[in-house]
Amino acid sequence: MAAPAPPQRTRHERFYFPDGNLILVVENTLYNIYRYILQRESEYFAATLSLPQDPLCCEGVSDEKALPLPAVRRKDFDAFLTVLFPPDFRRIGELTVNEWASVLQLSSGLWECAAIRDLAVEKLSKLASSVDRIVLARKYGIHQWLFPAYKDLCTRRRCLTKEEGSQLGMDDVITISQIRQWKTAHPTHLVDCRVRRRLLQQELSDTENSGSDSDPVDAFMI
């Protein structure tokens, strides 16, 4: 029985540059971008793309030998490349919250794109909801978002919605609900202390469980 034909690859409509010099494939979509710019912005690619390759199986030099990024989704990579190779510099700020979250995801961790991560943090600080900031802060270690986001959810008039609760998870929902109930019988200025105390307790618990040597107090001091 003949083996099934491999999925057909198509060139990206925006990010397959005719004069590019690094061909990548993500979810059967081909990208031809500029190697130097990717290496300049990413410590990971600066290291891996500098390694010597066998000329007979050199990846990234043609559509047939495109360098695969198997753990990356096309929609995330498109958002990342929109920042790296903006079609119009005036439109970088028009990315949605979800697109900036994709940029944050790819620029954090393995790829180590410090400048792009900082830009994503800056944009999401203004665009993302308090719930989104808590979720992203926990996932990507952006501790400075936690206190203002928690305080907003604990002091606003509206209770958490079912959708917000699903995003946050049980522990955060319980913490926020307890502080909202507690604040009804205490002066407003004490809410800040209560929020900081609960966040610090959570951070200390997380630090002990992970064995980290970082000082969790710094994250909640102004």
C-alpha atoms as a PDB file:
ATOM      1  CA  MET A   1       0.000   0.000   0.000  1.00  0.00           C
ATOM      2  CA  ALA A   2       1.423   3.380  -1.020  1.00  0.00           C
ATOM      3  CA  ALA A   3       2.266   5.849   1.689  1.00  0.00           C
ATOM      4  CA  PRO A   4      -0.031   8.907   1.839  1.00  0.00           C
ATOM      5  CA  ALA A   5       1.286  12.003   0.115  1.00  0.00           C
ATOM      6  CA  PRO A   6       2.694  14.645   2.481  1.00  0.00           C
ATOM      7  CA  PRO A   7       0.506  17.715   3.028  1.00  0.00           C
ATOM      8  CA  GLN A   8       1.007  20.399   0.404  1.00  0.00           C
ATOM      9  CA  ARG A   9       2.906  23.452   1.606  1.00  0.00           C
ATOM     10  CA  THR A  10       1.879  26.955   0.613  1.00  0.00           C
ATOM     11  CA  ARG A  11       3.839  30.190   0.731  1.00  0.00           C
ATOM     12  CA  HIS A  12       2.642  32.795   3.207  1.00  0.00           C
ATOM     13  CA  GLU A  13       0.932  35.713   1.504  1.00  0.00           C
ATOM     14  CA  ARG A  14       2.828  38.356   3.552  1.00  0.00           C
ATOM     15  CA  PHE A  15       5.892  36.757   5.070  1.00  0.00           C
ATOM     16  CA  TYR A  16       7.433  34.935   2.134  1.00  0.00           C
ATOM     17  CA  PHE A  17       9.831  37.657   1.046  1.00  0.00           C
ATOM     18  CA  PRO A  18      11.323  37.208  -2.449  1.00  0.00           C
ATOM     19  CA  ASP A  19      14.759  38.228  -1.187  1.00  0.00           C
ATOM     20  CA  GLY A  20      14.571  36.393   2.146  1.00  0.00           C
ATOM     21  CA  ASN A  21      17.375  34.025   3.121  1.00  0.00           C
ATOM     22  CA  LEU A  22      15.811  31.731   5.730  1.00  0.00           C
ATOM     23  CA  ILE A  23      12.872  29.490   4.839  1.00  0.00           C
ATOM     24  CA  LEU A  24      10.775  28.176   7.721  1.00  0.00           C
ATOM     25  CA  VAL A  25       7.663  26.025   7.802  1.00  0.00           C
ATOM     26  CA  VAL A  26       4.862  26.302  10.357  1.00  0.00           C
ATOM     27  CA  GLU A  27       1.701  24.200   9.991  1.00  0.00           C
ATOM     28  CA  ASN A  28       2.490  23.581   6.290  1.00  0.00           C
ATOM     29  CA  THR A  29       2.903  27.301   5.612  1.00  0.00           C
ATOM     30  CA  LEU A  30       6.242  28.478   4.235  1.00  0.00           C
ATOM     31  CA  TYR A  31       7.924  31.680   5.405  1.00  0.00           C
ATOM     32  CA  ASN A  32      10.973  33.262   3.779  1.00  0.00           C
ATOM     33  CA  ILE A  33      12.392  35.846   6.163  1.00  0.00           C
ATOM     34  CA  TYR A  34      15.695  37.566   6.946  1.00  0.00           C
ATOM     35  CA  ARG A  35      18.031  35.424   9.009  1.00  0.00           C
ATOM     36  CA  TYR A  36      20.008  38.345  10.473  1.00  0.00           C
ATOM     37  CA  ILE A  37      16.975  40.103  11.968  1.00  0.00           C
ATOM     38  CA  LEU A  38      15.735  36.916  13.618  1.00  0.00           C
ATOM     39  CA  GLN A  39      19.203  36.216  15.021  1.00  0.00           C
ATOM     40  CA  ARG A  40      19.538  39.810  16.219  1.00  0.00           C
ATOM     41  CA  GLU A  41      16.299  39.667  18.237  1.00  0.00           C
ATOM     42  CA  SER A  42      16.473  36.092  19.546  1.00  0.00           C
ATOM     43  CA  GLU A  43      19.298  34.624  21.602  1.00  0.00           C
ATOM     44  CA  TYR A  44      17.986  31.147  20.783  1.00  0.00           C
ATOM     45  CA  PHE A  45      18.105  31.624  17.007  1.00  0.00           C
ATOM     46  CA  ALA A  46      21.385  33.528  17.244  1.00  0.00           C
ATOM     47  CA  ALA A  47      22.897  30.377  18.716  1.00  0.00           C
ATOM     48  CA  THR A  48      21.130  27.654  16.728  1.00  0.00           C
ATOM     49  CA  LEU A  49      21.373  29.284  13.301  1.00  0.00           C
ATOM     50  CA  SER A  50      25.095  29.828  13.797  1.00  0.00           C
ATOM     51  CA  LEU A  51      25.808  26.118  14.200  1.00  0.00           C
ATOM     52  CA  PRO A  52      27.540  24.415  11.249  1.00  0.00           C
ATOM     53  CA  GLN A  53      25.271  22.241   9.090  1.00  0.00           C
ATOM     54  CA  ASP A  54      25.825  19.346   6.763  1.00  0.00           C
ATOM     55  CA  PRO A  55      25.692  20.792   3.207  1.00  0.00           C
ATOM     56  CA  LEU A  56      23.758  17.730   2.045  1.00  0.00           C
ATOM     57  CA  CYS A  57      20.854  18.288   4.480  1.00  0.00           C
ATOM     58  CA  CYS A  58      21.083  22.008   5.158  1.00  0.00           C
ATOM     59  CA  GLU A  59      17.688  23.242   6.396  1.00  0.00           C
ATOM     60  CA  GLY A  60      16.198  26.628   5.626  1.00  0.00           C
ATOM     61  CA  VAL A  61      17.689  27.050   2.137  1.00  0.00           C
ATOM     62  CA  SER A  62      14.706  26.041  -0.025  1.00  0.00           C
ATOM     63  CA  ASP A  63      10.995  25.250   0.108  1.00  0.00           C
ATOM     64  CA  GLU A  64      11.830  21.550   0.025  1.00  0.00           C
ATOM     65  CA  LYS A  65      14.338  21.887   2.883  1.00  0.00           C
ATOM     66  CA  ALA A  66      12.479  24.432   4.993  1.00  0.00           C
ATOM     67  CA  LEU A  67      13.417  24.600   8.677  1.00  0.00           C
ATOM     68  CA  PRO A  68      10.427  23.297  10.670  1.00  0.00           C
ATOM     69  CA  LEU A  69       9.097  24.952  13.840  1.00  0.00           C
ATOM     70  CA  PRO A  70       6.920  22.050  15.020  1.00  0.00           C
ATOM     71  CA  ALA A  71       5.741  23.451  18.354  1.00  0.00           C
ATOM     72  CA  VAL A  72       4.534  26.768  16.906  1.00  0.00           C
ATOM     73  CA  ARG A  73       1.063  27.684  15.659  1.00  0.00           C
ATOM     74  CA  ARG A  74       0.689  29.749  12.502  1.00  0.00           C
ATOM     75  CA  LYS A  75      -1.500  32.397  14.142  1.00  0.00           C
ATOM     76  CA  ASP A  76       1.092  32.933  16.881  1.00  0.00           C
ATOM     77  CA  PHE A  77       3.976  33.090  14.423  1.00  0.00           C
ATOM     78  CA  ASP A  78       2.084  35.548  12.199  1.00  0.00           C
ATOM     79  CA  ALA A  79       1.603  37.908  15.152  1.00  0.00           C
ATOM     80  CA  PHE A  80       5.275  37.568  16.098  1.00  0.00           C
ATOM     81  CA  LEU A  81       6.428  38.346  12.555  1.00  0.00           C
ATOM     82  CA  THR A  82       4.075  41.333  12.346  1.00  0.00           C
ATOM     83  CA  VAL A  83       6.182  42.878  15.113  1.00  0.00           C
ATOM     84  CA  LEU A  84       9.504  41.657  13.715  1.00  0.00           C
ATOM     85  CA  PHE A  85       8.713  42.705  10.101  1.00  0.00           C
ATOM     86  CA  PRO A  86       5.898  45.275  10.343  1.00  0.00           C
ATOM     87  CA  PRO A  87       4.199  46.007   6.996  1.00  0.00           C
ATOM     88  CA  ASP A  88       3.520  49.486   8.350  1.00  0.00           C
ATOM     89  CA  PHE A  89       5.296  50.771  11.481  1.00  0.00           C
ATOM     90  CA  ARG A  90       2.231  52.870  12.356  1.00  0.00           C
ATOM     91  CA  ARG A  91       0.093  49.724  12.653  1.00  0.00           C
ATOM     92  CA  ILE A  92       2.134  47.717  15.175  1.00  0.00           C
ATOM     93  CA  GLY A  93      -0.071  49.059  17.945  1.00  0.00           C
ATOM     94  CA  GLU A  94      -3.190  47.750  16.188  1.00  0.00           C
ATOM     95  CA  LEU A  95      -2.586  44.143  17.217  1.00  0.00           C
ATOM     96  CA  THR A  96      -5.330  42.674  19.385  1.00  0.00           C
ATOM     97  CA  VAL A  97      -4.889  41.448  22.947  1.00  0.00           C
ATOM     98  CA  ASN A  98      -4.792  37.847  21.689  1.00  0.00           C
ATOM     99  CA  GLU A  99      -2.149  38.732  19.093  1.00  0.00           C
ATOM    100  CA  TRP A 100       0.041  40.497  21.656  1.00  0.00           C
ATOM    101  CA  ALA A 101      -0.401  37.455  23.909  1.00  0.00           C
ATOM    102  CA  SER A 102       0.929  35.323  21.036  1.00  0.00           C
ATOM    103  CA  VAL A 103       3.910  37.670  20.715  1.00  0.00           C
ATOM    104  CA  LEU A 104       4.504  37.416  24.457  1.00  0.00           C
ATOM    105  CA  GLN A 105       4.352  33.628  24.306  1.00  0.00           C
ATOM    106  CA  LEU A 106       6.912  33.253  21.518  1.00  0.00           C
ATOM    107  CA  SER A 107       9.269  35.965  22.781  1.00  0.00           C
ATOM    108  CA  SER A 108       9.390  34.429  26.253  1.00  0.00           C
ATOM    109  CA  GLY A 109      11.068  31.201  27.276  1.00  0.00           C
ATOM    110  CA  LEU A 110      13.043  29.297  24.669  1.00  0.00           C
ATOM    111  CA  TRP A 111      13.324  32.003  22.000  1.00  0.00           C
ATOM    112  CA  GLU A 112      14.611  34.659  24.435  1.00  0.00           C
ATOM    113  CA  CYS A 113      13.566  37.786  22.527  1.00  0.00           C
ATOM    114  CA  ALA A 114      14.004  40.325  25.324  1.00  0.00           C
ATOM    115  CA  ALA A 115      13.166  43.525  23.414  1.00  0.00           C
ATOM    116  CA  ILE A 116      10.074  42.034  21.767  1.00  0.00           C
ATOM    117  CA  ARG A 117       8.900  40.594  25.083  1.00  0.00           C
ATOM    118  CA  ASP A 118       9.280  44.031  26.706  1.00  0.00           C
ATOM    119  CA  LEU A 119       7.211  45.582  23.919  1.00  0.00           C
ATOM    120  CA  ALA A 120       4.475  42.953  24.334  1.00  0.00           C
ATOM    121  CA  VAL A 121       4.401  43.569  28.099  1.00  0.00           C
ATOM    122  CA  GLU A 122       4.133  47.317  27.511  1.00  0.00           C
ATOM    123  CA  LYS A 123       1.242  46.947  25.045  1.00  0.00           C
ATOM    124  CA  LEU A 124      -0.650  44.365  27.116  1.00  0.00           C
ATOM    125  CA  SER A 125      -0.295  46.542  30.221  1.00  0.00           C
ATOM    126  CA  LYS A 126      -2.609  49.017  28.485  1.00  0.00           C
ATOM    127  CA  LEU A 127      -4.840  46.702  26.445  1.00  0.00           C
ATOM    128  CA  ALA A 128      -5.430  43.536  28.483  1.00  0.00           C
ATOM    129  CA  SER A 129      -8.168  43.193  31.072  1.00  0.00           C
ATOM    130  CA  SER A 130      -7.321  42.592  34.720  1.00  0.00           C
ATOM    131  CA  VAL A 131      -8.239  38.921  34.325  1.00  0.00           C
ATOM    132  CA  ASP A 132      -6.051  38.540  31.235  1.00  0.00           C
ATOM    133  CA  ARG A 133      -3.142  40.225  33.019  1.00  0.00           C
ATOM    134  CA  ILE A 134      -3.404  37.845  35.982  1.00  0.00           C
ATOM    135  CA  VAL A 135      -3.496  34.786  33.713  1.00  0.00           C
ATOM    136  CA  LEU A 136      -0.568  36.008  31.589  1.00  0.00           C
ATOM    137  CA  ALA A 137       1.380  37.199  34.636  1.00  0.00           C
ATOM    138  CA  ARG A 138       1.243  33.755  36.199  1.00  0.00           C
ATOM    139  CA  LYS A 139       2.158  32.037  32.928  1.00  0.00           C
ATOM    140  CA  TYR A 140       5.071  34.291  31.963  1.00  0.00           C
ATOM    141  CA  GLY A 141       6.324  35.617  35.320  1.00  0.00           C
ATOM    142  CA  ILE A 142       5.180  39.252  34.978  1.00  0.00           C
ATOM    143  CA  HIS A 143       4.810  39.857  38.714  1.00  0.00           C
ATOM    144  CA  GLN A 144       4.290  43.623  38.465  1.00  0.00           C
ATOM    145  CA  TRP A 145       0.863  43.026  36.911  1.00  0.00           C
ATOM    146  CA  LEU A 146      -0.543  40.992  39.792  1.00  0.00           C
ATOM    147  CA  PHE A 147      -1.206  43.609  42.454  1.00  0.00           C
ATOM    148  CA  PRO A 148      -3.010  46.233  40.304  1.00  0.00           C
ATOM    149  CA  ALA A 149      -5.018  43.552  38.500  1.00  0.00           C
ATOM    150  CA  TYR A 150      -6.050  41.850  41.750  1.00  0.00           C
ATOM    151  CA  LYS A 151      -6.908  45.179  43.363  1.00  0.00           C
ATOM    152  CA  ASP A 152      -9.125  46.104  40.428  1.00  0.00           C
ATOM    153  CA  LEU A 153     -11.051  42.827  40.636  1.00  0.00           C
ATOM    154  CA  CYS A 154     -11.354  43.076  44.423  1.00  0.00           C
ATOM    155  CA  THR A 155     -12.631  46.672  44.492  1.00  0.00           C
ATOM    156  CA  ARG A 156     -14.778  47.015  41.377  1.00  0.00           C
ATOM    157  CA  ARG A 157     -18.549  46.980  41.783  1.00  0.00           C
ATOM    158  CA  ARG A 158     -19.181  44.031  39.469  1.00  0.00           C
ATOM    159  CA  CYS A 159     -18.609  40.500  40.703  1.00  0.00           C
ATOM    160  CA  LEU A 160     -16.571  38.051  38.668  1.00  0.00           C
ATOM    161  CA  THR A 161     -18.444  36.581  35.724  1.00  0.00           C
ATOM    162  CA  LYS A 162     -18.564  32.862  35.002  1.00  0.00           C
ATOM    163  CA  GLU A 163     -16.212  33.335  32.050  1.00  0.00           C
ATOM    164  CA  GLU A 164     -13.713  35.294  34.163  1.00  0.00           C
ATOM    165  CA  GLY A 165     -13.828  32.615  36.839  1.00  0.00           C
ATOM    166  CA  SER A 166     -13.069  29.929  34.267  1.00  0.00           C
ATOM    167  CA  GLN A 167     -10.037  31.887  33.065  1.00  0.00           C
ATOM    168  CA  LEU A 168      -8.678  32.514  36.569  1.00  0.00           C
ATOM    169  CA  GLY A 169      -9.154  29.112  38.146  1.00  0.00           C
ATOM    170  CA  MET A 170     -10.546  28.092  41.520  1.00  0.00           C
ATOM    171  CA  ASP A 171      -7.725  29.406  43.754  1.00  0.00           C
ATOM    172  CA  ASP A 172      -7.829  32.934  42.363  1.00  0.00           C
ATOM    173  CA  VAL A 173     -11.632  33.043  42.384  1.00  0.00           C
ATOM    174  CA  ILE A 174     -11.706  32.059  46.063  1.00  0.00           C
ATOM    175  CA  THR A 175      -9.019  34.612  46.977  1.00  0.00           C
ATOM    176  CA  ILE A 176     -10.784  37.452  45.150  1.00  0.00           C
ATOM    177  CA  SER A 177     -14.182  36.511  46.567  1.00  0.00           C
ATOM    178  CA  GLN A 178     -12.812  36.405  50.119  1.00  0.00           C
ATOM    179  CA  ILE A 179     -11.195  39.842  49.790  1.00  0.00           C
ATOM    180  CA  ARG A 180     -14.344  41.325  48.231  1.00  0.00           C
ATOM    181  CA  GLN A 181     -16.368  40.013  51.167  1.00  0.00           C
ATOM    182  CA  TRP A 182     -13.752  41.173  53.702  1.00  0.00           C
ATOM    183  CA  LYS A 183     -13.599  44.738  52.311  1.00  0.00           C
ATOM    184  CA  THR A 184     -17.277  45.410  53.026  1.00  0.00           C
ATOM    185  CA  ALA A 185     -16.463  45.625  56.760  1.00  0.00           C
ATOM    186  CA  HIS A 186     -13.070  47.371  56.551  1.00  0.00           C
ATOM    187  CA  PRO A 187     -11.723  50.756  55.378  1.00  0.00           C
ATOM    188  CA  THR A 188     -10.806  50.967  51.717  1.00  0.00           C
ATOM    189  CA  HIS A 189      -7.132  51.705  52.347  1.00  0.00           C
ATOM    190  CA  LEU A 190      -6.756  48.349  54.147  1.00  0.00           C
ATOM    191  CA  VAL A 191      -7.752  46.480  51.007  1.00  0.00           C
ATOM    192  CA  ASP A 192      -4.301  47.180  49.513  1.00  0.00           C
ATOM    193  CA  CYS A 193      -2.643  45.496  52.470  1.00  0.00           C
ATOM    194  CA  ARG A 194      -4.988  42.529  52.279  1.00  0.00           C
ATOM    195  CA  VAL A 195      -4.360  42.033  48.567  1.00  0.00           C
ATOM    196  CA  ARG A 196      -0.580  42.296  48.985  1.00  0.00           C
ATOM    197  CA  ARG A 197      -0.656  39.846  51.875  1.00  0.00           C
ATOM    198  CA  ARG A 198      -2.597  37.221  49.925  1.00  0.00           C
ATOM    199  CA  LEU A 199      -0.395  37.608  46.848  1.00  0.00           C
ATOM    200  CA  LEU A 200       2.726  37.329  48.967  1.00  0.00           C
ATOM    201  CA  GLN A 201       1.390  34.169  50.592  1.00  0.00           C
ATOM    202  CA  GLN A 202       0.726  32.669  47.161  1.00  0.00           C
ATOM    203  CA  GLU A 203       4.166  33.675  45.909  1.00  0.00           C
ATOM    204  CA  LEU A 204       5.896  32.225  48.951  1.00  0.00           C
ATOM    205  CA  SER A 205       4.018  28.970  48.465  1.00  0.00           C
ATOM    206  CA  ASP A 206       4.937  28.856  44.757  1.00  0.00           C
ATOM    207  CA  THR A 207       8.581  29.642  45.557  1.00  0.00           C
ATOM    208  CA  GLU A 208       8.797  26.858  48.134  1.00  0.00           C
ATOM    209  CA  ASN A 209       7.221  24.376  45.730  1.00  0.00           C
ATOM    210  CA  SER A 210       9.548  25.325  42.870  1.00  0.00           C
ATOM    211  CA  GLY A 211      12.723  25.627  44.952  1.00  0.00           C
ATOM    212  CA  SER A 212      13.431  29.115  43.527  1.00  0.00           C
ATOM    213  CA  ASP A 213      15.960  31.388  45.224  1.00  0.00           C
ATOM    214  CA  SER A 214      14.258  34.629  44.063  1.00  0.00           C
ATOM    215  CA  ASP A 215      12.851  37.039  46.650  1.00  0.00           C
ATOM    216  CA  PRO A 216       9.035  37.117  46.230  1.00  0.00           C
ATOM    217  CA  VAL A 217       8.642  40.231  48.387  1.00  0.00           C
ATOM    218  CA  ASP A 218      10.160  42.435  45.675  1.00  0.00           C
ATOM    219  CA  ALA A 219       7.319  41.659  43.306  1.00  0.00           C
ATOM    220  CA  PHE A 220       4.709  43.349  45.488  1.00  0.00           C
ATOM    221  CA  MET A 221       6.584  46.362  46.818  1.00  0.00           C
ATOM    222  CA  ILE A 222       6.149  49.826  45.314  1.00  0.00           C
END
